[in-house]
Amino acid sequence: MSGQPWRPVVVCAFLLVLLAVALPVAMAFGAEALPVGRVVDALRGGGDLATRTIVLDLRLPRSLLAIVVGAGLAIAGVAVQTLVRNPLADPYLLGVTSGASVGATAVITTGALAAFGVWSLSVGAFIGALAAGVLVAVVTLSQGGLTPLRLILSGTVLGSALSAIASYLVFRSGDPAAAQSVLFWLLGSLAGGEWDRLWLPAAVVAASFVLLWAASGWLDAMAVGPDTAAALGVSVPAVRAGLFTLLALLVGVLVAVAGAVAFVGLVLPHVARLLVGARHRLVLPAAALSGGLFLLAVDVVARIAVRPTEVPLSVVTGIVGAPVFLVLMGRRRYSFGAAS
């Protein structure tokens, strides 16, 4: 990248333009297909009332939520891979998703938090996610600090235990419909994409991006290694604690609104590094844009693949995303840390 300093800017600009073009195209697909021209007219306030209702009230908030969740998972993946210095890490490594699954499963199988109405599932998932994050932090700190190895082991072990609790709740309920609802939620869905559910994840993702981008120099140092980071004046324990707290909040909010969408947080950070290099001030915007674009496309496939039902997002992300990533990996030289 050093010989082409303009390339990352061009890549990010291209991704932004592509995202702007893909948004109205994505909204043309659904139970009732619409010409892209009618979608654009509706976005401008024209067209008939029925088209404006479909586009502005149903498809636009869902598509924007797809972009927000995809961008959030991608930047969370960048941060967690730097935090634990592991290319196989994804945002769910910290056990937050397993905690969210316990909260969501409890709501579905027992009717808990019914007072929150349509928000009950999201509230339950968010409470479970935060509880899991606190539990992982307490266990890790009590064992000597937030080191990468302790985070990975504590998050993996406690995540397995929490997943077992969620499975027990499903088994205990004896309700096949509840089991199907839990499975669909765990695999991810944007079916609840509405305007009143968009502002919170959008605000959290935007704030997280700003904080991570402002700390990009620290993240670059952390990616090289804790000793190098400390020699450069970075307070490694403080940065690790801040990253963990930010990730727990960010992932908890995203899982609460969209379920556990696999693949995005694991692979899109690597796609961004393939496109713009390893510096975090470039990786973060490229990851956010590519993550939003990718999940927007995945949501279209999920909605139209087996109409009139929807396919869970994680099914599509794995089937579509894995070959694309392998092709990119084969076409470019790539490294993560000291490994090529």
Protein backbone atom coordinates (compact mmCIF):
# COMPACT_ATOMS: atom_id res chain seq x y z
CA MET A 1 0.00 0.00 0.00
CA SER A 2 2.92 2.36 0.59
CA GLY A 3 3.44 2.76 -3.15
CA GLN A 4 -0.22 3.56 -3.75
CA PRO A 5 -1.33 5.89 -0.92
CA TRP A 6 -4.42 6.87 -2.90
CA ARG A 7 -5.72 3.33 -3.22
CA PRO A 8 -7.50 3.01 0.19
CA VAL A 9 -9.35 6.28 -0.46
CA VAL A 10 -10.46 5.06 -3.89
CA VAL A 11 -11.54 1.71 -2.43
CA CYS A 12 -13.62 3.33 0.32
CA ALA A 13 -15.15 5.82 -2.13
CA PHE A 14 -16.04 2.97 -4.48
CA LEU A 15 -17.63 0.99 -1.63
CA LEU A 16 -19.64 4.05 -0.57
CA VAL A 17 -20.94 4.63 -4.09
CA LEU A 18 -21.71 0.93 -4.48
CA LEU A 19 -23.64 0.99 -1.20
CA ALA A 20 -25.64 4.03 -2.31
CA VAL A 21 -26.55 2.27 -5.56
CA ALA A 22 -27.30 -1.06 -3.86
CA LEU A 23 -29.74 0.42 -1.34
CA PRO A 24 -32.60 1.25 -3.77
CA VAL A 25 -31.88 -1.92 -5.76
CA ALA A 26 -32.20 -4.03 -2.59
CA MET A 27 -35.52 -2.38 -1.77
CA ALA A 28 -36.90 -3.41 -5.15
CA PHE A 29 -36.96 -7.06 -4.00
CA GLY A 30 -39.52 -8.55 -1.68
CA ALA A 31 -42.90 -10.24 -1.56
CA GLU A 32 -43.93 -7.78 -4.27
CA ALA A 33 -41.17 -6.89 -6.72
CA LEU A 34 -40.92 -3.21 -7.60
CA PRO A 35 -39.05 -1.50 -10.44
CA VAL A 36 -36.01 0.37 -9.17
CA GLY A 37 -37.35 3.55 -10.74
CA ARG A 38 -40.50 3.38 -8.60
CA VAL A 39 -38.36 2.82 -5.52
CA VAL A 40 -36.28 5.91 -6.31
CA ASP A 41 -39.46 7.95 -6.91
CA ALA A 42 -40.83 6.82 -3.54
CA LEU A 43 -37.58 7.79 -1.81
CA ARG A 44 -37.97 11.25 -3.33
CA GLY A 45 -41.53 11.51 -2.02
CA GLY A 46 -43.26 10.76 -5.32
CA GLY A 47 -45.17 7.78 -6.66
CA ASP A 48 -48.42 6.31 -5.40
CA LEU A 49 -49.31 5.88 -1.74
CA ALA A 50 -49.02 2.07 -1.77
CA THR A 51 -45.49 2.16 -3.17
CA ARG A 52 -44.40 4.84 -0.69
CA THR A 53 -45.79 2.76 2.17
CA ILE A 54 -43.93 -0.37 1.06
CA VAL A 55 -40.67 1.46 0.42
CA LEU A 56 -40.57 4.02 3.24
CA ASP A 57 -42.32 2.15 6.05
CA LEU A 58 -41.26 -1.45 5.40
CA ARG A 59 -38.21 -1.89 3.18
CA LEU A 60 -36.15 1.24 3.91
CA PRO A 61 -35.85 0.72 7.70
CA ARG A 62 -35.08 -2.96 7.20
CA SER A 63 -32.41 -2.22 4.59
CA LEU A 64 -30.85 0.48 6.77
CA LEU A 65 -30.84 -1.94 9.70
CA ALA A 66 -29.00 -4.47 7.53
CA ILE A 67 -26.35 -1.86 6.75
CA VAL A 68 -26.03 -0.84 10.40
CA VAL A 69 -25.77 -4.41 11.69
CA GLY A 70 -23.33 -5.43 8.96
CA ALA A 71 -21.13 -2.39 9.59
CA GLY A 72 -21.27 -2.90 13.35
CA LEU A 73 -20.34 -6.57 13.21
CA ALA A 74 -17.47 -5.85 10.81
CA ILE A 75 -15.87 -3.15 12.99
CA ALA A 76 -16.46 -5.32 16.06
CA GLY A 77 -14.61 -8.11 14.28
CA VAL A 78 -11.69 -5.77 13.54
CA ALA A 79 -11.51 -4.74 17.19
CA VAL A 80 -11.80 -8.23 18.70
CA GLN A 81 -9.16 -9.67 16.35
CA THR A 82 -6.82 -6.92 17.47
CA LEU A 83 -7.77 -7.37 21.12
CA VAL A 84 -6.92 -11.08 21.21
CA ARG A 85 -4.42 -11.00 18.29
CA ASN A 86 -6.13 -13.95 16.65
CA PRO A 87 -7.28 -14.01 12.98
CA LEU A 88 -9.93 -16.61 13.84
CA ALA A 89 -11.63 -14.41 16.44
CA ASP A 90 -15.09 -13.01 15.84
CA PRO A 91 -17.30 -10.70 17.97
CA TYR A 92 -19.09 -13.70 19.50
CA LEU A 93 -15.86 -15.05 21.01
CA LEU A 94 -16.44 -13.08 24.22
CA GLY A 95 -19.51 -15.10 25.20
CA VAL A 96 -21.89 -12.18 24.66
CA THR A 97 -23.95 -14.00 22.04
CA SER A 98 -24.43 -17.04 24.26
CA GLY A 99 -25.69 -14.78 27.03
CA ALA A 100 -28.06 -13.11 24.59
CA SER A 101 -29.33 -16.53 23.52
CA VAL A 102 -30.18 -17.36 27.15
CA GLY A 103 -32.10 -14.10 27.52
CA ALA A 104 -33.94 -14.50 24.23
CA THR A 105 -34.70 -18.16 24.87
CA ALA A 106 -36.07 -17.35 28.31
CA VAL A 107 -38.42 -14.79 26.75
CA ILE A 108 -39.58 -17.16 24.02
CA THR A 109 -40.06 -20.24 26.21
CA THR A 110 -41.34 -18.68 29.44
CA GLY A 111 -42.98 -15.44 28.36
CA ALA A 112 -40.68 -13.41 30.61
CA LEU A 113 -40.55 -9.62 30.18
CA ALA A 114 -43.96 -9.67 28.50
CA ALA A 115 -44.53 -6.16 29.85
CA PHE A 116 -42.15 -4.84 27.18
CA GLY A 117 -44.46 -6.05 24.39
CA VAL A 118 -42.77 -6.29 20.99
CA TRP A 119 -39.51 -5.23 22.63
CA SER A 120 -39.47 -8.16 25.06
CA LEU A 121 -37.21 -10.38 22.92
CA SER A 122 -34.69 -7.60 22.27
CA VAL A 123 -34.67 -6.53 25.92
CA GLY A 124 -34.18 -10.10 27.10
CA ALA A 125 -31.34 -10.67 24.63
CA PHE A 126 -29.64 -7.42 25.60
CA ILE A 127 -29.87 -8.16 29.33
CA GLY A 128 -28.43 -11.62 28.73
CA ALA A 129 -25.63 -10.22 26.57
CA LEU A 130 -24.57 -7.64 29.14
CA ALA A 131 -24.75 -10.20 31.94
CA ALA A 132 -22.52 -12.54 29.96
CA GLY A 133 -20.05 -9.74 29.26
CA VAL A 134 -19.85 -8.86 32.95
CA LEU A 135 -19.41 -12.53 33.86
CA VAL A 136 -16.56 -13.01 31.36
CA ALA A 137 -14.87 -9.83 32.59
CA VAL A 138 -15.15 -10.81 36.26
CA VAL A 139 -13.81 -14.31 35.65
CA THR A 140 -10.95 -13.06 33.47
CA LEU A 141 -9.95 -10.27 35.86
CA SER A 142 -10.05 -12.61 38.85
CA GLN A 143 -7.58 -14.90 37.05
CA GLY A 144 -4.96 -12.25 36.40
CA GLY A 145 -6.25 -9.68 33.88
CA LEU A 146 -7.72 -9.22 30.41
CA THR A 147 -5.00 -11.01 28.49
CA PRO A 148 -5.83 -12.43 25.04
CA LEU A 149 -5.47 -16.06 26.13
CA ARG A 150 -7.64 -15.63 29.23
CA LEU A 151 -10.30 -13.77 27.23
CA ILE A 152 -10.44 -16.50 24.60
CA LEU A 153 -10.59 -19.32 27.14
CA SER A 154 -13.06 -17.61 29.48
CA GLY A 155 -15.32 -16.46 26.64
CA THR A 156 -15.30 -19.88 24.98
CA VAL A 157 -15.90 -21.89 28.15
CA LEU A 158 -18.56 -19.61 29.60
CA GLY A 159 -20.18 -19.29 26.15
CA SER A 160 -20.49 -23.08 25.98
CA ALA A 161 -22.05 -23.17 29.43
CA LEU A 162 -24.54 -20.44 28.55
CA SER A 163 -25.42 -22.18 25.29
CA ALA A 164 -26.13 -25.32 27.29
CA ILE A 165 -28.49 -23.33 29.53
CA ALA A 166 -30.31 -21.99 26.47
CA SER A 167 -30.62 -25.53 25.09
CA TYR A 168 -31.99 -26.74 28.42
CA LEU A 169 -34.64 -24.00 28.40
CA VAL A 170 -35.75 -25.10 24.93
CA PHE A 171 -35.79 -28.77 25.95
CA ARG A 172 -37.70 -28.01 29.14
CA SER A 173 -40.38 -26.02 27.34
CA GLY A 174 -41.44 -29.01 25.21
CA ASP A 175 -42.87 -26.63 22.62
CA PRO A 176 -41.74 -27.32 19.01
CA ALA A 177 -42.83 -23.85 17.94
CA ALA A 178 -40.67 -22.27 20.65
CA ALA A 179 -37.70 -24.38 19.59
CA GLN A 180 -38.16 -23.26 15.98
CA SER A 181 -38.41 -19.60 17.04
CA VAL A 182 -35.23 -19.87 19.10
CA LEU A 183 -33.34 -21.53 16.24
CA PHE A 184 -34.47 -18.90 13.74
CA TRP A 185 -33.44 -16.09 16.09
CA LEU A 186 -30.06 -17.67 16.80
CA LEU A 187 -29.31 -17.83 13.07
CA GLY A 188 -30.14 -14.16 12.59
CA SER A 189 -33.02 -12.24 11.05
CA LEU A 190 -33.90 -8.65 10.15
CA ALA A 191 -37.62 -9.32 10.11
CA GLY A 192 -38.08 -6.86 12.98
CA GLY A 193 -36.52 -4.00 11.04
CA GLU A 194 -38.66 -0.96 11.85
CA TRP A 195 -37.93 2.73 12.31
CA ASP A 196 -38.27 2.64 16.10
CA ARG A 197 -35.73 -0.21 16.29
CA LEU A 198 -33.17 1.50 14.08
CA TRP A 199 -32.04 4.54 16.02
CA LEU A 200 -30.40 2.73 18.98
CA PRO A 201 -28.16 0.33 17.00
CA ALA A 202 -27.34 3.12 14.53
CA ALA A 203 -26.26 5.42 17.35
CA VAL A 204 -24.21 2.71 19.08
CA VAL A 205 -22.49 1.66 15.84
CA ALA A 206 -21.71 5.28 14.92
CA ALA A 207 -20.30 6.05 18.38
CA SER A 208 -18.28 2.82 18.39
CA PHE A 209 -16.82 3.61 14.97
CA VAL A 210 -15.77 7.09 16.07
CA LEU A 211 -14.12 5.79 19.24
CA LEU A 212 -12.30 2.97 17.45
CA TRP A 213 -11.15 5.26 14.65
CA ALA A 214 -9.89 7.81 17.18
CA ALA A 215 -7.93 5.00 18.85
CA SER A 216 -6.62 3.58 15.56
CA GLY A 217 -3.01 4.39 16.45
CA TRP A 218 -3.32 2.41 19.69
CA LEU A 219 -4.94 -0.45 17.80
CA ASP A 220 -2.06 -0.51 15.31
CA ALA A 221 0.39 -0.80 18.20
CA MET A 222 -1.69 -3.48 19.92
CA ALA A 223 -1.80 -5.52 16.71
CA VAL A 224 2.00 -5.70 16.67
CA GLY A 225 2.15 -6.93 20.24
CA PRO A 226 1.68 -5.77 23.85
CA ASP A 227 5.39 -5.24 24.45
CA THR A 228 5.73 -3.00 21.40
CA ALA A 229 2.56 -1.13 22.33
CA ALA A 230 3.81 -0.53 25.87
CA ALA A 231 7.17 0.68 24.50
CA LEU A 232 5.25 3.19 22.34
CA GLY A 233 3.49 4.57 25.41
CA VAL A 234 0.18 2.70 25.09
CA SER A 235 -1.47 1.69 28.37
CA VAL A 236 -2.14 -1.89 27.34
CA PRO A 237 -4.40 -2.89 30.29
CA ALA A 238 -6.52 0.25 29.89
CA VAL A 239 -6.90 -0.22 26.13
CA ARG A 240 -7.85 -3.87 26.59
CA ALA A 241 -10.44 -2.98 29.22
CA GLY A 242 -11.88 -0.22 27.04
CA LEU A 243 -12.05 -2.46 23.98
CA PHE A 244 -13.73 -5.25 25.91
CA THR A 245 -16.34 -2.89 27.37
CA LEU A 246 -17.06 -1.30 23.99
CA LEU A 247 -17.32 -4.69 22.27
CA ALA A 248 -19.67 -6.09 24.91
CA LEU A 249 -22.03 -3.12 24.50
CA LEU A 250 -21.81 -3.01 20.69
CA VAL A 251 -22.29 -6.74 20.13
CA GLY A 252 -25.02 -6.91 22.77
CA VAL A 253 -27.06 -4.24 20.97
CA LEU A 254 -26.56 -5.82 17.54
CA VAL A 255 -27.46 -9.32 18.70
CA ALA A 256 -30.52 -7.96 20.47
CA VAL A 257 -31.96 -6.47 17.26
CA ALA A 258 -30.83 -9.05 14.66
CA GLY A 259 -29.86 -12.26 16.43
CA ALA A 260 -26.53 -14.00 16.00
CA VAL A 261 -25.52 -13.31 12.40
CA ALA A 262 -22.48 -15.48 11.69
CA PHE A 263 -19.55 -14.94 9.32
CA VAL A 264 -19.69 -11.12 9.04
CA GLY A 265 -17.55 -10.29 12.07
CA LEU A 266 -15.09 -13.09 11.32
CA VAL A 267 -14.37 -12.61 7.63
CA LEU A 268 -15.24 -9.05 6.62
CA PRO A 269 -12.32 -7.60 8.65
CA HIS A 270 -9.98 -9.79 6.60
CA VAL A 271 -11.67 -8.67 3.38
CA ALA A 272 -11.07 -5.06 4.45
CA ARG A 273 -7.40 -5.77 5.12
CA LEU A 274 -7.08 -7.39 1.72
CA LEU A 275 -8.51 -4.24 0.14
CA VAL A 276 -6.76 -1.42 2.05
CA GLY A 277 -3.94 -2.89 4.14
CA ALA A 278 -3.54 -3.36 7.88
CA ARG A 279 -3.68 0.19 9.29
CA HIS A 280 -6.79 0.56 11.42
CA ARG A 281 -7.66 4.07 10.28
CA LEU A 282 -8.15 2.52 6.81
CA VAL A 283 -9.43 -0.91 7.84
CA LEU A 284 -12.27 0.42 9.99
CA PRO A 285 -14.10 2.45 7.28
CA ALA A 286 -13.46 -0.26 4.67
CA ALA A 287 -14.80 -2.92 7.05
CA ALA A 288 -17.87 -0.85 7.93
CA LEU A 289 -18.74 -0.18 4.29
CA SER A 290 -18.07 -3.72 3.08
CA GLY A 291 -19.93 -5.21 6.07
CA GLY A 292 -22.98 -3.05 5.45
CA LEU A 293 -22.95 -3.81 1.73
CA PHE A 294 -22.51 -7.53 2.32
CA LEU A 295 -25.35 -7.89 4.83
CA LEU A 296 -27.64 -5.77 2.65
CA ALA A 297 -27.10 -8.23 -0.20
CA VAL A 298 -27.48 -11.20 2.15
CA ASP A 299 -30.82 -9.89 3.39
CA VAL A 300 -32.12 -9.69 -0.19
CA VAL A 301 -31.16 -13.32 -0.79
CA ALA A 302 -32.70 -14.36 2.53
CA ARG A 303 -36.01 -12.74 1.56
CA ILE A 304 -36.34 -14.06 -1.98
CA ALA A 305 -34.61 -17.47 -1.91
CA VAL A 306 -37.65 -19.48 -0.74
CA ARG A 307 -40.53 -17.02 -0.89
CA PRO A 308 -42.82 -16.42 0.89
CA THR A 309 -40.75 -17.60 3.89
CA GLU A 310 -37.37 -16.19 4.88
CA VAL A 311 -34.05 -17.98 5.20
CA PRO A 312 -32.04 -17.17 8.37
CA LEU A 313 -29.21 -14.79 7.62
CA SER A 314 -26.42 -17.06 8.89
CA VAL A 315 -27.40 -19.72 6.36
CA VAL A 316 -26.90 -17.26 3.51
CA THR A 317 -23.75 -15.62 4.90
CA GLY A 318 -21.94 -18.95 5.04
CA ILE A 319 -23.07 -20.25 1.65
CA VAL A 320 -22.46 -16.99 -0.23
CA GLY A 321 -19.63 -15.45 1.74
CA ALA A 322 -17.21 -18.36 2.10
CA PRO A 323 -16.52 -18.85 -1.66
CA VAL A 324 -16.14 -15.09 -2.18
CA PHE A 325 -13.60 -14.84 0.63
CA LEU A 326 -11.64 -17.86 -0.58
CA VAL A 327 -11.41 -16.33 -4.06
CA LEU A 328 -10.12 -13.05 -2.61
CA MET A 329 -7.64 -14.89 -0.41
CA GLY A 330 -6.32 -16.82 -3.39
CA ARG A 331 -5.86 -13.73 -5.56
CA ARG A 332 -3.82 -11.64 -3.08
CA ARG A 333 -0.94 -12.05 -0.69
CA TYR A 334 -2.32 -11.62 2.80
CA SER A 335 -0.93 -11.51 6.31
CA PHE A 336 -2.26 -11.04 9.82
CA GLY A 337 0.39 -9.95 12.30
CA ALA A 338 3.48 -12.01 11.58
CA ALA A 339 1.59 -14.85 9.83
CA SER A 340 1.21 -14.93 6.05
